Protein backbone atom coordinates (compact mmCIF):
# COMPACT_ATOMS: atom_id res chain seq x y z
CA MET A 1 -25.27 23.28 -37.53
CA THR A 2 -24.50 19.75 -37.58
CA HIS A 3 -21.63 17.44 -37.55
CA SER A 4 -20.59 14.20 -36.68
CA VAL A 5 -17.34 13.27 -35.62
CA VAL A 6 -15.89 9.66 -35.88
CA CYS A 7 -12.74 7.41 -35.68
CA ALA A 8 -11.99 6.13 -38.70
CA ARG A 9 -10.65 2.85 -36.75
CA ARG A 10 -14.59 2.07 -36.28
CA LEU A 11 -14.22 0.74 -40.10
CA GLU A 12 -12.19 -2.05 -38.88
CA ALA A 13 -13.85 -5.03 -37.75
CA SER A 14 -12.31 -6.94 -34.71
CA ALA A 15 -9.34 -7.94 -36.27
CA SER A 16 -9.61 -6.26 -39.66
CA ILE A 17 -11.91 -5.46 -42.47
CA LEU A 18 -9.87 -7.67 -44.85
CA THR A 19 -10.52 -11.55 -44.59
CA ALA A 20 -9.24 -14.65 -46.50
CA MET A 21 -10.44 -14.38 -50.00
CA GLY A 22 -12.60 -17.53 -50.80
CA ASP A 23 -14.22 -18.43 -53.99
CA SER A 24 -17.21 -16.49 -53.59
CA GLY A 25 -17.36 -13.38 -56.12
CA GLU A 26 -15.20 -15.24 -58.64
CA GLY A 27 -15.68 -13.39 -61.65
CA SER A 28 -17.08 -10.28 -60.16
CA ALA A 29 -15.56 -6.69 -61.55
CA GLU A 30 -14.30 -5.94 -58.11
CA ARG A 31 -12.51 -9.34 -57.63
CA SER A 32 -10.95 -9.02 -61.19
CA ASP A 33 -9.76 -5.40 -60.56
CA LEU A 34 -8.23 -6.63 -57.07
CA GLU A 35 -6.41 -9.65 -58.69
CA ARG A 36 -5.18 -7.48 -61.32
CA LEU A 37 -3.80 -4.83 -58.83
CA TYR A 38 -2.56 -7.67 -56.61
CA TRP A 39 -0.72 -9.53 -59.07
CA ALA A 40 0.75 -6.55 -60.67
CA ALA A 41 2.26 -5.71 -57.41
CA SER A 42 3.83 -8.85 -57.41
CA HIS A 43 5.62 -8.55 -60.66
CA HIS A 44 7.04 -5.31 -59.50
CA VAL A 45 8.28 -6.51 -56.08
CA ARG A 46 10.13 -9.23 -58.11
CA ALA A 47 11.33 -6.75 -60.61
CA ALA A 48 12.55 -4.49 -58.06
CA ASN A 49 14.72 -7.06 -56.14
CA ASP A 50 15.98 -8.27 -59.41
CA LYS A 51 17.40 -4.78 -60.65
CA VAL A 52 18.43 -3.02 -57.10
CA ARG A 53 21.94 -4.42 -57.02
CA SER A 54 22.59 -4.06 -60.70
CA ALA A 55 26.05 -2.39 -61.85
CA ASP A 56 23.75 -0.58 -64.39
CA ARG A 57 22.60 2.58 -63.16
CA ASN A 58 19.74 2.87 -65.34
CA LEU A 59 18.42 -0.66 -64.29
CA ARG A 60 18.82 0.85 -60.63
CA LEU A 61 16.57 3.66 -61.43
CA GLU A 62 13.94 0.87 -62.92
CA ALA A 63 14.46 -0.77 -59.15
CA ALA A 64 13.44 2.25 -57.38
CA VAL A 65 10.33 2.70 -59.98
CA HIS A 66 9.13 -0.95 -59.43
CA ALA A 67 9.23 -0.84 -55.74
CA GLY A 68 7.09 2.28 -55.48
CA ALA A 69 4.70 0.96 -58.25
CA ALA A 70 4.53 -2.41 -56.36
CA VAL A 71 3.38 -0.27 -52.81
CA GLU A 72 0.89 1.88 -55.10
CA LEU A 73 -0.58 -1.16 -56.43
CA MET A 74 -0.85 -3.41 -53.14
CA ALA A 75 -2.54 -0.28 -51.42
CA LYS A 76 -5.28 0.26 -54.16
CA ALA A 77 -5.75 -3.79 -54.24
CA ILE A 78 -6.71 -3.39 -50.23
CA LEU A 79 -8.95 -0.51 -51.29
CA VAL A 80 -10.89 -2.17 -53.95
CA HIS A 81 -11.41 -5.02 -51.49
CA VAL A 82 -12.66 -2.85 -48.62
CA ASP A 83 -14.69 -0.93 -51.16
CA PRO A 84 -13.88 0.01 -54.92
CA ARG A 85 -15.26 3.68 -54.19
CA LEU A 86 -12.04 4.27 -52.11
CA LEU A 87 -10.01 4.43 -55.49
CA LEU A 88 -12.08 7.19 -57.11
CA ASP A 89 -10.21 10.68 -56.98
CA ASP A 90 -12.49 13.65 -57.46
CA ARG A 91 -10.85 15.65 -55.02
CA GLU A 92 -13.79 14.37 -52.65
CA GLY A 93 -12.40 11.10 -51.57
CA HIS A 94 -13.28 12.00 -47.92
CA HIS A 95 -16.86 11.81 -49.19
CA VAL A 96 -16.07 8.07 -49.99
CA LEU A 97 -14.63 7.06 -46.27
CA ILE A 98 -17.69 9.13 -44.80
CA ASP A 99 -20.08 6.98 -46.78
CA LEU A 100 -18.76 3.91 -45.71
CA LEU A 101 -19.04 4.98 -42.25
CA VAL A 102 -22.51 5.76 -42.82
CA GLU A 103 -23.49 2.56 -44.16
CA ARG A 104 -22.29 1.28 -40.92
CA GLY A 105 -24.35 3.21 -38.98
CA ALA A 106 -21.50 5.19 -37.31
CA VAL A 107 -22.28 8.62 -39.07
CA THR A 108 -25.01 10.38 -40.62
CA ALA A 109 -24.46 12.66 -43.90
CA GLN A 110 -26.25 13.46 -46.86
CA PRO A 111 -25.79 11.10 -50.09
CA HIS A 112 -23.09 11.92 -52.48
CA GLY A 113 -22.61 11.32 -55.90
CA TYR A 114 -19.44 10.59 -57.73
CA ARG A 115 -18.22 11.72 -61.03
CA SER A 116 -14.43 11.33 -61.50
CA ARG A 117 -13.23 7.71 -62.80
CA ARG A 118 -9.34 8.75 -62.11
CA THR A 119 -7.88 6.65 -59.27
CA VAL A 120 -6.42 8.32 -55.95
CA SER A 121 -2.75 9.17 -56.14
CA ALA A 122 -0.16 6.77 -54.59
CA THR A 123 0.41 8.59 -51.31
CA LYS A 124 -3.39 8.70 -50.72
CA ALA A 125 -3.99 5.08 -51.55
CA VAL A 126 -1.36 4.33 -49.15
CA THR A 127 -2.72 6.81 -46.49
CA LEU A 128 -6.25 5.50 -47.00
CA ALA A 129 -5.13 1.66 -46.85
CA ALA A 130 -3.24 2.12 -43.45
CA ARG A 131 -6.84 3.80 -42.38
CA VAL A 132 -8.78 1.11 -43.25
CA CYS A 133 -6.36 -2.22 -42.84
CA GLU A 134 -4.63 -2.35 -39.71
CA GLN A 135 -2.09 -4.85 -40.86
CA VAL A 136 -0.61 -2.36 -43.19
CA GLY A 137 -1.00 0.64 -40.93
CA PRO A 138 2.32 0.12 -38.91
CA HIS A 139 4.45 -0.08 -42.27
CA ILE A 140 3.04 3.19 -44.04
CA GLY A 141 6.48 4.97 -43.06
CA ALA A 142 8.06 1.99 -45.17
CA ALA A 143 5.65 2.52 -47.95
CA LEU A 144 6.15 6.43 -47.99
CA GLN A 145 10.08 5.72 -48.46
CA ALA A 146 9.43 3.69 -51.40
CA LEU A 147 7.28 5.92 -53.11
CA ASP A 148 9.93 8.77 -52.28
CA ALA A 149 12.39 6.70 -54.10
CA ARG A 150 9.88 5.78 -57.07
CA ASN A 151 9.20 9.88 -57.59
CA GLN A 152 12.76 10.82 -57.46
CA ALA A 153 13.76 8.30 -59.96
CA ALA A 154 10.62 8.45 -62.26
CA HIS A 155 10.53 12.16 -62.34
CA ALA A 156 14.33 13.39 -62.00
CA ALA A 157 16.29 10.50 -62.83
CA VAL A 158 18.05 10.78 -59.50
CA ILE A 159 18.49 7.61 -56.97
CA ASN A 160 20.22 7.80 -53.41
CA GLU A 161 22.72 4.94 -54.09
CA ALA A 162 23.31 4.36 -50.01
CA ARG A 163 19.54 4.39 -49.72
CA LEU A 164 18.19 2.45 -52.42
CA PRO A 165 18.42 -0.99 -51.37
CA ASP A 166 17.03 0.09 -48.13
CA GLN A 167 14.11 2.05 -50.10
CA VAL A 168 13.41 -1.24 -52.07
CA THR A 169 13.22 -3.37 -48.99
CA ALA A 170 11.00 -0.67 -47.39
CA GLY A 171 8.39 -1.15 -50.21
CA SER A 172 8.45 -4.94 -49.87
CA ASP A 173 7.90 -4.80 -46.31
CA PHE A 174 4.67 -2.81 -47.14
CA VAL A 175 3.67 -4.89 -49.71
CA LEU A 176 4.08 -8.21 -47.77
CA ALA A 177 1.90 -6.61 -45.04
CA GLY A 178 -0.60 -6.33 -47.80
CA VAL A 179 -0.14 -10.09 -48.74
CA ASP A 180 -0.69 -11.00 -44.91
CA SER A 181 -3.88 -8.90 -44.83
CA PHE A 182 -5.49 -11.40 -47.83
CA ALA A 183 -4.49 -14.34 -45.86
CA ARG A 184 -2.18 -15.34 -48.67
CA SER A 185 1.30 -16.67 -48.66
CA PRO A 186 4.68 -14.67 -49.86
CA GLU A 187 5.55 -18.01 -51.59
CA ALA A 188 2.34 -18.05 -53.65
CA PHE A 189 2.64 -14.07 -54.18
CA LEU A 190 6.37 -14.07 -55.42
CA GLY A 191 7.59 -17.69 -55.67
CA ALA A 192 9.59 -19.73 -52.80
CA ASP A 193 12.94 -18.69 -53.90
CA VAL A 194 12.35 -14.68 -54.06
CA ALA A 195 9.80 -14.86 -51.05
CA GLU A 196 12.89 -16.30 -49.15
CA GLN A 197 14.97 -13.48 -50.44
CA VAL A 198 12.67 -10.76 -49.50
CA GLU A 199 11.76 -11.96 -46.26
CA ARG A 200 15.13 -12.35 -45.06
CA GLU A 201 16.16 -8.71 -46.22
CA VAL A 202 12.62 -7.43 -44.51
CA ALA A 203 13.40 -9.14 -41.44
CA GLU A 204 17.11 -7.95 -41.23
CA ARG A 205 15.72 -4.53 -41.97
CA ASN A 206 13.66 -4.38 -39.00
CA ALA A 207 16.32 -6.05 -36.93
CA ALA A 208 18.30 -3.06 -37.94
CA LEU A 209 15.42 -0.47 -36.97
CA SER A 210 15.03 -2.31 -33.70
CA LEU A 211 18.59 -2.15 -32.78
CA ALA A 212 18.94 1.16 -33.61
CA ALA A 213 15.83 2.36 -31.57
CA GLN A 214 17.33 0.17 -28.75
CA ARG A 215 20.61 2.41 -28.82
CA LYS A 216 18.59 5.48 -28.60
CA VAL A 217 17.09 3.84 -25.40
CA LYS A 218 20.30 3.15 -24.14
CA ARG A 219 21.73 6.29 -24.83
CA ALA A 220 18.95 8.08 -23.09
CA HIS A 221 19.31 5.80 -19.91
CA ASP A 222 22.85 6.69 -19.54
CA ARG A 223 22.34 10.32 -20.01
CA TYR A 224 19.66 10.18 -17.29
CA GLU A 225 21.66 7.88 -15.04
CA GLY A 226 24.54 11.00 -15.60
CA LEU A 227 22.17 13.67 -14.63
CA VAL A 228 20.90 12.00 -11.36
CA ALA A 229 24.97 11.34 -10.45
CA ARG A 230 25.56 15.24 -10.85
CA LEU A 231 22.88 16.46 -9.45
CA PRO A 232 23.85 18.11 -5.91
CA GLU A 233 22.27 16.67 -2.86
CA GLY A 234 18.59 18.05 -2.16
CA GLU A 235 18.17 19.62 -5.57
CA GLY A 236 16.89 16.56 -7.30
CA ASP A 237 13.29 17.36 -6.45
CA GLU A 238 13.31 20.69 -7.94
CA VAL A 239 14.90 19.59 -11.28
CA PHE A 240 12.74 16.45 -11.75
CA THR A 241 9.61 18.59 -10.71
CA GLU A 242 10.60 21.22 -13.38
CA LEU A 243 11.33 18.36 -16.05
CA GLY A 244 8.08 16.69 -15.25
CA ASN A 245 5.95 19.59 -15.84
CA ARG A 246 7.16 20.32 -19.39
CA THR A 247 4.84 19.10 -22.31
CA PRO A 248 5.71 18.52 -25.89
CA ILE A 249 5.39 21.75 -28.23
CA HIS A 250 4.43 19.61 -31.17
CA GLY A 251 1.27 17.27 -31.85
CA ASP A 252 -2.51 18.04 -30.95
CA HIS A 253 -3.07 15.21 -28.63
CA THR A 254 -0.73 13.72 -25.64
CA GLU A 255 -1.05 11.10 -23.25
CA ARG A 256 1.40 9.98 -20.44
CA CYS A 257 3.24 6.88 -20.65
CA ASP A 258 6.24 5.23 -18.90
CA CYS A 259 9.51 5.84 -20.61
CA PRO A 260 11.51 2.97 -21.61
CA ALA A 261 14.69 4.58 -20.95
CA CYS A 262 14.50 6.09 -17.46
CA GLY A 263 10.75 4.84 -16.16
CA ASN A 264 9.40 8.33 -15.71
CA ALA A 265 6.35 9.55 -17.37
CA GLY A 266 7.14 10.26 -20.99
CA TRP A 267 4.80 11.39 -23.71
CA LEU A 268 2.68 9.74 -26.20
CA ILE A 269 1.94 12.52 -29.21
CA TRP A 270 -0.54 12.36 -31.84
CA ASP A 271 -1.62 14.51 -34.44
CA VAL A 272 -5.41 15.40 -35.27
CA GLU A 273 -6.36 14.86 -39.03
CA VAL A 274 -9.89 15.94 -39.99
CA ASP A 275 -11.95 15.06 -42.72
CA PHE A 276 -14.29 18.05 -43.61
CA GLU A 277 -17.00 17.89 -45.87
CA PRO A 278 -19.74 20.79 -46.33
CA GLU A 279 -23.17 19.28 -46.83
CA GLY A 280 -25.17 22.31 -47.29
CA PRO A 281 -25.69 25.91 -45.77
CA ASP A 282 -24.14 26.03 -42.42
CA GLU A 283 -24.01 21.85 -42.51
CA TYR A 284 -20.96 19.85 -42.72
CA THR A 285 -19.86 16.30 -41.71
CA THR A 286 -16.45 15.87 -40.21
CA ASN A 287 -14.51 13.00 -39.38
CA ALA A 288 -11.46 13.20 -37.05
CA TYR A 289 -8.89 10.38 -36.33
CA LEU A 290 -5.65 10.59 -34.51
CA LEU A 291 -2.30 9.86 -36.35
CA PHE A 292 0.41 8.48 -33.78
CA LEU A 293 3.97 10.51 -34.09
CA GLY A 294 5.73 8.84 -31.41
CA PHE A 295 7.06 9.29 -27.65
CA GLU A 296 9.00 12.23 -26.05
CA CYS A 297 10.37 12.17 -22.65
CA PHE A 298 11.77 15.24 -20.89
CA TYR A 299 13.52 13.41 -17.94
CA CYS A 300 16.35 11.50 -20.35
CA GLY A 301 15.84 13.36 -23.68
CA LEU A 302 14.58 10.08 -25.42
CA GLN A 303 12.61 10.91 -28.59
CA LEU A 304 11.19 8.01 -30.90
CA ASN A 305 9.41 8.27 -33.94
CA HIS A 306 6.11 6.21 -34.75
CA VAL A 307 8.43 3.38 -36.00
CA GLU A 308 11.09 3.39 -33.40
CA SER A 309 8.36 3.63 -30.60
CA GLU A 310 7.02 0.30 -31.75
CA ALA A 311 10.11 -1.27 -32.06
CA VAL A 312 10.83 -0.96 -28.33
CA GLY A 313 7.10 -1.85 -27.17
CA ILE A 314 5.29 1.32 -27.51
CA ASN A 315 2.47 0.48 -29.68
CA PRO A 316 -0.63 2.41 -29.06
CA GLN A 317 -3.89 0.24 -29.84
CA GLY A 318 -6.70 2.40 -31.70
CA ASP A 319 -7.46 6.20 -30.83
CA PRO A 320 -7.38 7.38 -27.30
CA ALA A 321 -9.86 9.97 -27.75
CA ASP A 322 -13.00 8.75 -29.94
CA ASP A 323 -14.77 11.36 -29.14
CA PHE A 324 -12.18 14.30 -29.95
CA ASP A 325 -14.67 17.20 -30.90
CA ALA A 326 -12.75 18.54 -34.11
CA GLU A 327 -14.44 21.52 -35.40
CA PRO A 328 -13.32 22.97 -38.92
CA ALA A 329 -11.27 26.25 -38.99
């Protein structure tokens, strides 16, 4: 039985796989596909922002659809630029990523032929783009919000009126990160006026997320100070020892990290995801990677998801366990 376990982040160069697009490759099929997807995403961002506050409900439904389409198209533009094979959906998309790793000398696997000409789903495109492009990785949560709004609007004619503007802005957040990954300007992508509006709304959204996370930290700090003040003299050591021995019940991999609220040792939490492909009798290739979930502290009760963690300065870089030995179930 043979297997190879690699970290998907090895696909990244020292900064990113994506580099500024120069004149080389002009006219190639890949560049043509990339430009088509890239500029279609621009159209959908502008349309979403134009319609999101319309008095006509049908136009607001369209805004949700446009926002999700923009996210999907930008994700697929990124995949085309990394390797067009990443777009193929033959229910064997993991083979594509593993083949790229083979070409980079990171893993050994059997050659694989591709039959389908269908492209991957929007959610899979976003997930893959986040794995191979570090600029958009932190924005995957925003992208999924926009896709959820698109799906609700397109398939059930349903929109969450209170959340729709934020969902559209979330989609713009992901798309602008994609623009940045190509070293292009938002002004060229959207036009100066629209770019100014969209960038302002994205900045306001991120500031609101950061403020909400900081408030959670403040509440946890106050809760911890209250606990310390209420403890009878001489009982603190026993209580804190018990709290320190607790471990998260969710997540596949954890590491200690100082809590931003109380200063004690909390937990960084990851899930392990595994790409698994059979290569023959008793032979398979695995590609394991860690997906950061967030932070938890048992001393003060602070719990942060991955977006909130980044907002308060907890932002683990890379995978902490490159040699995680992931076996198939």
